[in-house]
Amino acid sequence: MFFSRFWPLAGCALSMAITASAGPALAQESFVQAGDIVIRARGIVVEPDEGADIDPIGGSVDIETAVMPELDFSYFFTDRLAVELIAAVTPHDVTATGTALGDVPLGELLLLPPTLTAQYHLPVTERFKPYVGAGINVTFFIDEDAAGGAVTSIDADTSVGAALQAGFDYQISGPWMINLDVKRLFLDTDVSINGGGITADVDINPWIFGFGVGYRF
């Protein structure tokens, strides 16, 4: 997939930029300070890295990529240490693939995946602040719409897993900034189809690619 192939190259380039700039730049004052709150609005692409074990019909699963808006909130304990909470919902069409019954549309799942990460921000220059983060994700399946026909019901369990993150903020004017962010969520769930006649252990494990603007309070 395009983003999965692109991100290692982007990460390498970002790492080289940080290494080249880090020496004198670390002494510069950051445009975000302790006690600041930053609110960002992003457009996100949620690209599942999916797989499944389906019993008793075998096969795997295909989960559609979603493009959605997202809102996040960050609080800075220092100019380098912050926590971030994201809020978004993402709909995904799900199809069982390669089963004994062939490819079977299962329906649509609507996910609410609040994610809390602790971040370390590196003030490479006065305006440019890359960061890395790690934390926890809790995913709620708030709507499960079965495809109909042979699939009369679909139910997915709440998932709790780890989250990794990297990105940067760049000050464009005063309290305004642009933001690029990439997250990897480790998300799996137990799915029951047709009241438990078919069960699946589903790995969703999405990459989340976001770009947007932020405002510092």
C-alpha atoms as a PDB file:
ATOM      1  CA  MET A   1       0.000   0.000   0.000  1.00  0.00           C
ATOM      2  CA  PHE A   2       1.222   3.481  -0.866  1.00  0.00           C
ATOM      3  CA  PHE A   3       1.406   4.997   2.621  1.00  0.00           C
ATOM      4  CA  SER A   4       2.968   1.905   4.186  1.00  0.00           C
ATOM      5  CA  ARG A   5       5.738   2.002   1.558  1.00  0.00           C
ATOM      6  CA  PHE A   6       6.172   5.776   1.779  1.00  0.00           C
ATOM      7  CA  TRP A   7       6.419   6.231   5.547  1.00  0.00           C
ATOM      8  CA  PRO A   8       9.818   4.486   6.134  1.00  0.00           C
ATOM      9  CA  LEU A   9      11.358   6.803   3.510  1.00  0.00           C
ATOM     10  CA  ALA A  10       9.744   9.872   5.082  1.00  0.00           C
ATOM     11  CA  GLY A  11      10.887   8.773   8.521  1.00  0.00           C
ATOM     12  CA  CYS A  12      14.450   8.348   7.285  1.00  0.00           C
ATOM     13  CA  ALA A  13      14.428  11.811   5.727  1.00  0.00           C
ATOM     14  CA  LEU A  14      13.030  13.352   8.915  1.00  0.00           C
ATOM     15  CA  SER A  15      15.685  11.602  10.992  1.00  0.00           C
ATOM     16  CA  MET A  16      18.448  12.933   8.739  1.00  0.00           C
ATOM     17  CA  ALA A  17      17.042  16.456   9.000  1.00  0.00           C
ATOM     18  CA  ILE A  18      16.947  16.261  12.790  1.00  0.00           C
ATOM     19  CA  THR A  19      20.511  14.952  12.964  1.00  0.00           C
ATOM     20  CA  ALA A  20      21.791  17.670  10.666  1.00  0.00           C
ATOM     21  CA  SER A  21      20.024  20.460  12.559  1.00  0.00           C
ATOM     22  CA  ALA A  22      20.193  19.326  16.152  1.00  0.00           C
ATOM     23  CA  GLY A  23      23.551  20.828  17.210  1.00  0.00           C
ATOM     24  CA  PRO A  24      23.036  24.591  17.481  1.00  0.00           C
ATOM     25  CA  ALA A  25      19.258  24.549  17.124  1.00  0.00           C
ATOM     26  CA  LEU A  26      18.464  22.836  20.419  1.00  0.00           C
ATOM     27  CA  ALA A  27      19.364  26.004  22.297  1.00  0.00           C
ATOM     28  CA  GLN A  28      16.581  27.965  20.580  1.00  0.00           C
ATOM     29  CA  GLU A  29      13.383  28.789  22.405  1.00  0.00           C
ATOM     30  CA  SER A  30      10.311  26.779  21.415  1.00  0.00           C
ATOM     31  CA  PHE A  31       7.126  28.452  20.158  1.00  0.00           C
ATOM     32  CA  VAL A  32       5.158  26.121  22.483  1.00  0.00           C
ATOM     33  CA  GLN A  33       5.784  26.458  26.215  1.00  0.00           C
ATOM     34  CA  ALA A  34       4.876  24.664  29.457  1.00  0.00           C
ATOM     35  CA  GLY A  35       1.189  25.080  30.250  1.00  0.00           C
ATOM     36  CA  ASP A  36       0.117  25.597  26.626  1.00  0.00           C
ATOM     37  CA  ILE A  37      -2.882  23.783  25.152  1.00  0.00           C
ATOM     38  CA  VAL A  38      -2.836  23.009  21.433  1.00  0.00           C
ATOM     39  CA  ILE A  39      -5.971  22.059  19.509  1.00  0.00           C
ATOM     40  CA  ARG A  40      -5.500  20.560  16.032  1.00  0.00           C
ATOM     41  CA  ALA A  41      -7.949  19.742  13.252  1.00  0.00           C
ATOM     42  CA  ARG A  42      -6.675  17.113  10.854  1.00  0.00           C
ATOM     43  CA  GLY A  43      -7.846  15.188   7.866  1.00  0.00           C
ATOM     44  CA  ILE A  44      -6.863  11.547   8.389  1.00  0.00           C
ATOM     45  CA  VAL A  45      -6.446   8.473   6.224  1.00  0.00           C
ATOM     46  CA  VAL A  46      -7.009   5.255   8.200  1.00  0.00           C
ATOM     47  CA  GLU A  47      -5.354   2.344   6.386  1.00  0.00           C
ATOM     48  CA  PRO A  48      -5.891  -1.031   8.092  1.00  0.00           C
ATOM     49  CA  ASP A  49      -3.098  -3.608   7.999  1.00  0.00           C
ATOM     50  CA  GLU A  50      -5.630  -6.367   8.437  1.00  0.00           C
ATOM     51  CA  GLY A  51      -5.742 -10.131   8.866  1.00  0.00           C
ATOM     52  CA  ALA A  52      -8.079 -12.689  10.425  1.00  0.00           C
ATOM     53  CA  ASP A  53      -8.634 -16.295  11.473  1.00  0.00           C
ATOM     54  CA  ILE A  54     -12.247 -17.238  10.684  1.00  0.00           C
ATOM     55  CA  ASP A  55     -13.874 -20.353  12.155  1.00  0.00           C
ATOM     56  CA  PRO A  56     -15.256 -22.639  10.722  1.00  0.00           C
ATOM     57  CA  ILE A  57     -15.151 -21.335   7.125  1.00  0.00           C
ATOM     58  CA  GLY A  58     -11.489 -20.225   7.023  1.00  0.00           C
ATOM     59  CA  GLY A  59     -10.173 -17.283   5.063  1.00  0.00           C
ATOM     60  CA  SER A  60      -9.084 -13.786   6.017  1.00  0.00           C
ATOM     61  CA  VAL A  61     -10.591 -10.301   5.890  1.00  0.00           C
ATOM     62  CA  ASP A  62     -10.414  -7.119   3.822  1.00  0.00           C
ATOM     63  CA  ILE A  63     -11.153  -3.840   5.628  1.00  0.00           C
ATOM     64  CA  GLU A  64     -11.716  -0.704   3.586  1.00  0.00           C
ATOM     65  CA  THR A  65      -9.527   2.399   4.026  1.00  0.00           C
ATOM     66  CA  ALA A  66     -11.369   5.397   5.522  1.00  0.00           C
ATOM     67  CA  VAL A  67     -10.829   9.149   5.090  1.00  0.00           C
ATOM     68  CA  MET A  68     -12.290  11.282   7.883  1.00  0.00           C
ATOM     69  CA  PRO A  69     -11.840  14.503   9.899  1.00  0.00           C
ATOM     70  CA  GLU A  70     -10.227  14.287  13.337  1.00  0.00           C
ATOM     71  CA  LEU A  71      -9.824  16.585  16.340  1.00  0.00           C
ATOM     72  CA  ASP A  72      -7.056  16.328  18.915  1.00  0.00           C
ATOM     73  CA  PHE A  73      -6.014  18.111  22.090  1.00  0.00           C
ATOM     74  CA  SER A  74      -2.481  18.404  23.512  1.00  0.00           C
ATOM     75  CA  TYR A  75      -1.312  19.712  26.885  1.00  0.00           C
ATOM     76  CA  PHE A  76       2.367  20.661  27.351  1.00  0.00           C
ATOM     77  CA  PHE A  77       3.858  19.932  30.766  1.00  0.00           C
ATOM     78  CA  THR A  78       7.127  21.433  29.515  1.00  0.00           C
ATOM     79  CA  ASP A  79       8.154  22.762  26.093  1.00  0.00           C
ATOM     80  CA  ARG A  80       9.191  19.173  25.227  1.00  0.00           C
ATOM     81  CA  LEU A  81       6.822  16.855  27.132  1.00  0.00           C
ATOM     82  CA  ALA A  82       3.129  16.710  26.249  1.00  0.00           C
ATOM     83  CA  VAL A  83       0.110  14.411  26.199  1.00  0.00           C
ATOM     84  CA  GLU A  84      -2.307  14.179  23.285  1.00  0.00           C
ATOM     85  CA  LEU A  85      -5.878  12.858  23.075  1.00  0.00           C
ATOM     86  CA  ILE A  86      -7.526  12.293  19.695  1.00  0.00           C
ATOM     87  CA  ALA A  87     -11.238  12.118  18.900  1.00  0.00           C
ATOM     88  CA  ALA A  88     -12.586  10.679  15.640  1.00  0.00           C
ATOM     89  CA  VAL A  89     -14.942   8.059  14.251  1.00  0.00           C
ATOM     90  CA  THR A  90     -14.105   5.911  11.212  1.00  0.00           C
ATOM     91  CA  PRO A  91     -16.452   3.703   9.141  1.00  0.00           C
ATOM     92  CA  HIS A  92     -15.074   0.599   7.437  1.00  0.00           C
ATOM     93  CA  ASP A  93     -16.688  -1.880   5.043  1.00  0.00           C
ATOM     94  CA  VAL A  94     -15.561  -5.416   5.925  1.00  0.00           C
ATOM     95  CA  THR A  95     -15.402  -8.450   3.616  1.00  0.00           C
ATOM     96  CA  ALA A  96     -14.402 -12.014   4.484  1.00  0.00           C
ATOM     97  CA  THR A  97     -12.040 -13.201   1.737  1.00  0.00           C
ATOM     98  CA  GLY A  98     -10.876 -16.617   0.587  1.00  0.00           C
ATOM     99  CA  THR A  99     -13.381 -18.507   2.733  1.00  0.00           C
ATOM    100  CA  ALA A 100     -15.045 -21.846   1.968  1.00  0.00           C
ATOM    101  CA  LEU A 101     -17.984 -19.730   0.757  1.00  0.00           C
ATOM    102  CA  GLY A 102     -15.834 -17.428  -1.350  1.00  0.00           C
ATOM    103  CA  ASP A 103     -15.647 -13.683  -0.661  1.00  0.00           C
ATOM    104  CA  VAL A 104     -18.508 -12.676   1.646  1.00  0.00           C
ATOM    105  CA  PRO A 105     -19.414  -9.029   2.453  1.00  0.00           C
ATOM    106  CA  LEU A 106     -19.915  -8.860   6.223  1.00  0.00           C
ATOM    107  CA  GLY A 107     -21.122  -5.280   6.618  1.00  0.00           C
ATOM    108  CA  GLU A 108     -19.916  -1.947   7.977  1.00  0.00           C
ATOM    109  CA  LEU A 109     -18.266  -1.244  11.320  1.00  0.00           C
ATOM    110  CA  LEU A 110     -18.166   2.254  12.826  1.00  0.00           C
ATOM    111  CA  LEU A 111     -15.170   2.664  15.145  1.00  0.00           C
ATOM    112  CA  LEU A 112     -14.595   5.189  17.926  1.00  0.00           C
ATOM    113  CA  PRO A 113     -10.877   4.874  18.781  1.00  0.00           C
ATOM    114  CA  PRO A 114      -9.874   7.425  21.482  1.00  0.00           C
ATOM    115  CA  THR A 115      -6.088   7.349  21.762  1.00  0.00           C
ATOM    116  CA  LEU A 116      -3.924   8.906  24.485  1.00  0.00           C
ATOM    117  CA  THR A 117      -0.192   9.321  23.849  1.00  0.00           C
ATOM    118  CA  ALA A 118       2.717  10.786  25.791  1.00  0.00           C
ATOM    119  CA  GLN A 119       4.961  12.804  23.462  1.00  0.00           C
ATOM    120  CA  TYR A 120       8.517  14.087  23.382  1.00  0.00           C
ATOM    121  CA  HIS A 121       8.909  17.234  21.224  1.00  0.00           C
ATOM    122  CA  LEU A 122      12.331  18.188  19.906  1.00  0.00           C
ATOM    123  CA  PRO A 123      12.782  21.940  19.155  1.00  0.00           C
ATOM    124  CA  VAL A 124      14.990  21.519  16.079  1.00  0.00           C
ATOM    125  CA  THR A 125      14.471  25.162  15.176  1.00  0.00           C
ATOM    126  CA  GLU A 126      12.422  27.938  16.739  1.00  0.00           C
ATOM    127  CA  ARG A 127       9.449  27.036  14.531  1.00  0.00           C
ATOM    128  CA  PHE A 128       9.950  23.359  13.668  1.00  0.00           C
ATOM    129  CA  LYS A 129       9.191  20.724  16.335  1.00  0.00           C
ATOM    130  CA  PRO A 130       9.207  17.030  15.401  1.00  0.00           C
ATOM    131  CA  TYR A 131       7.954  14.599  18.021  1.00  0.00           C
ATOM    132  CA  VAL A 132       7.561  10.934  18.868  1.00  0.00           C
ATOM    133  CA  GLY A 133       4.960   9.411  21.137  1.00  0.00           C
ATOM    134  CA  ALA A 134       3.582   6.212  22.606  1.00  0.00           C
ATOM    135  CA  GLY A 135       0.430   5.404  24.493  1.00  0.00           C
ATOM    136  CA  ILE A 136      -2.815   3.469  24.641  1.00  0.00           C
ATOM    137  CA  ASN A 137      -5.796   3.079  22.349  1.00  0.00           C
ATOM    138  CA  VAL A 138      -9.298   1.915  23.284  1.00  0.00           C
ATOM    139  CA  THR A 139     -11.523   1.152  20.288  1.00  0.00           C
ATOM    140  CA  PHE A 140     -15.290   0.973  20.672  1.00  0.00           C
ATOM    141  CA  PHE A 141     -17.408  -0.481  17.879  1.00  0.00           C
ATOM    142  CA  ILE A 142     -20.348   1.894  18.165  1.00  0.00           C
ATOM    143  CA  ASP A 143     -22.331   0.641  15.160  1.00  0.00           C
ATOM    144  CA  GLU A 144     -22.248  -2.764  13.480  1.00  0.00           C
ATOM    145  CA  ASP A 145     -24.375  -2.953  10.343  1.00  0.00           C
ATOM    146  CA  ALA A 146     -24.620  -6.465   8.879  1.00  0.00           C
ATOM    147  CA  ALA A 147     -24.521  -6.765   5.092  1.00  0.00           C
ATOM    148  CA  GLY A 148     -27.743  -8.761   4.941  1.00  0.00           C
ATOM    149  CA  GLY A 149     -28.488 -11.909   2.988  1.00  0.00           C
ATOM    150  CA  ALA A 150     -26.420 -14.707   4.481  1.00  0.00           C
ATOM    151  CA  VAL A 151     -25.007 -12.311   7.117  1.00  0.00           C
ATOM    152  CA  THR A 152     -27.777 -11.407   9.551  1.00  0.00           C
ATOM    153  CA  SER A 153     -25.703  -9.979  12.406  1.00  0.00           C
ATOM    154  CA  ILE A 154     -22.162  -8.907  13.192  1.00  0.00           C
ATOM    155  CA  ASP A 155     -20.756  -8.044  16.611  1.00  0.00           C
ATOM    156  CA  ALA A 156     -17.210  -6.885  17.482  1.00  0.00           C
ATOM    157  CA  ASP A 157     -15.708  -6.646  20.986  1.00  0.00           C
ATOM    158  CA  THR A 158     -14.084  -3.505  22.414  1.00  0.00           C
ATOM    159  CA  SER A 159     -10.320  -3.514  21.868  1.00  0.00           C
ATOM    160  CA  VAL A 160      -7.471  -2.162  24.023  1.00  0.00           C
ATOM    161  CA  GLY A 161      -3.984  -1.875  22.557  1.00  0.00           C
ATOM    162  CA  ALA A 162      -0.786   0.134  22.198  1.00  0.00           C
ATOM    163  CA  ALA A 163      -0.249   3.172  19.980  1.00  0.00           C
ATOM    164  CA  LEU A 164       2.938   4.602  18.441  1.00  0.00           C
ATOM    165  CA  GLN A 165       3.242   8.059  16.906  1.00  0.00           C
ATOM    166  CA  ALA A 166       5.592  10.403  15.044  1.00  0.00           C
ATOM    167  CA  GLY A 167       5.102  13.782  13.411  1.00  0.00           C
ATOM    168  CA  PHE A 168       5.909  17.465  13.543  1.00  0.00           C
ATOM    169  CA  ASP A 169       4.419  20.900  14.183  1.00  0.00           C
ATOM    170  CA  TYR A 170       5.587  23.934  12.199  1.00  0.00           C
ATOM    171  CA  GLN A 171       4.671  27.460  13.309  1.00  0.00           C
ATOM    172  CA  ILE A 172       3.239  29.493  10.423  1.00  0.00           C
ATOM    173  CA  SER A 173       2.120  32.648  12.269  1.00  0.00           C
ATOM    174  CA  GLY A 174       1.702  33.510  15.950  1.00  0.00           C
ATOM    175  CA  PRO A 175      -0.293  30.712  17.618  1.00  0.00           C
ATOM    176  CA  TRP A 176      -1.046  28.943  14.309  1.00  0.00           C
ATOM    177  CA  MET A 177       0.835  25.856  13.110  1.00  0.00           C
ATOM    178  CA  ILE A 178       0.605  23.116  10.528  1.00  0.00           C
ATOM    179  CA  ASN A 179       0.896  19.497  11.592  1.00  0.00           C
ATOM    180  CA  LEU A 180       1.823  16.187   9.989  1.00  0.00           C
ATOM    181  CA  ASP A 181       1.209  13.076  12.069  1.00  0.00           C
ATOM    182  CA  VAL A 182       1.477   9.302  11.654  1.00  0.00           C
ATOM    183  CA  LYS A 183       0.148   6.755  14.130  1.00  0.00           C
ATOM    184  CA  ARG A 184       0.235   2.980  14.278  1.00  0.00           C
ATOM    185  CA  LEU A 185      -2.462   1.354  16.415  1.00  0.00           C
ATOM    186  CA  PHE A 186      -2.229  -2.270  17.538  1.00  0.00           C
ATOM    187  CA  LEU A 187      -5.900  -3.187  17.390  1.00  0.00           C
ATOM    188  CA  ASP A 188      -7.485  -6.628  17.366  1.00  0.00           C
ATOM    189  CA  THR A 189     -11.000  -7.751  18.141  1.00  0.00           C
ATOM    190  CA  ASP A 190     -13.129 -10.888  18.435  1.00  0.00           C
ATOM    191  CA  VAL A 191     -16.006 -10.824  15.951  1.00  0.00           C
ATOM    192  CA  SER A 192     -19.184 -12.881  16.159  1.00  0.00           C
ATOM    193  CA  ILE A 193     -21.246 -13.365  12.981  1.00  0.00           C
ATOM    194  CA  ASN A 194     -24.835 -14.654  12.852  1.00  0.00           C
ATOM    195  CA  GLY A 195     -25.070 -14.938  16.627  1.00  0.00           C
ATOM    196  CA  GLY A 196     -21.839 -16.873  16.982  1.00  0.00           C
ATOM    197  CA  GLY A 197     -22.312 -19.402  14.191  1.00  0.00           C
ATOM    198  CA  ILE A 198     -19.128 -17.944  12.714  1.00  0.00           C
ATOM    199  CA  THR A 199     -16.370 -16.370  14.805  1.00  0.00           C
ATOM    200  CA  ALA A 200     -13.243 -14.482  13.805  1.00  0.00           C
ATOM    201  CA  ASP A 201     -10.106 -13.201  15.501  1.00  0.00           C
ATOM    202  CA  VAL A 202      -9.520 -10.006  13.502  1.00  0.00           C
ATOM    203  CA  ASP A 203      -6.361  -7.887  13.448  1.00  0.00           C
ATOM    204  CA  ILE A 204      -7.054  -4.349  12.187  1.00  0.00           C
ATOM    205  CA  ASN A 205      -3.740  -2.682  13.172  1.00  0.00           C
ATOM    206  CA  PRO A 206      -4.307   0.556  11.237  1.00  0.00           C
ATOM    207  CA  TRP A 207      -1.837   3.165  10.083  1.00  0.00           C
ATOM    208  CA  ILE A 208      -3.334   6.645  10.568  1.00  0.00           C
ATOM    209  CA  PHE A 209      -1.897   9.433   8.408  1.00  0.00           C
ATOM    210  CA  GLY A 210      -2.998  12.961   9.324  1.00  0.00           C
ATOM    211  CA  PHE A 211      -2.396  16.487   8.080  1.00  0.00           C
ATOM    212  CA  GLY A 212      -3.969  19.663   9.421  1.00  0.00           C
ATOM    213  CA  VAL A 213      -3.676  22.897  11.352  1.00  0.00           C
ATOM    214  CA  GLY A 214      -3.274  23.660  15.045  1.00  0.00           C
ATOM    215  CA  TYR A 215      -3.836  26.598  17.372  1.00  0.00           C
ATOM    216  CA  ARG A 216      -1.974  27.277  20.613  1.00  0.00           C
ATOM    217  CA  PHE A 217      -3.794  28.647  23.682  1.00  0.00           C
END
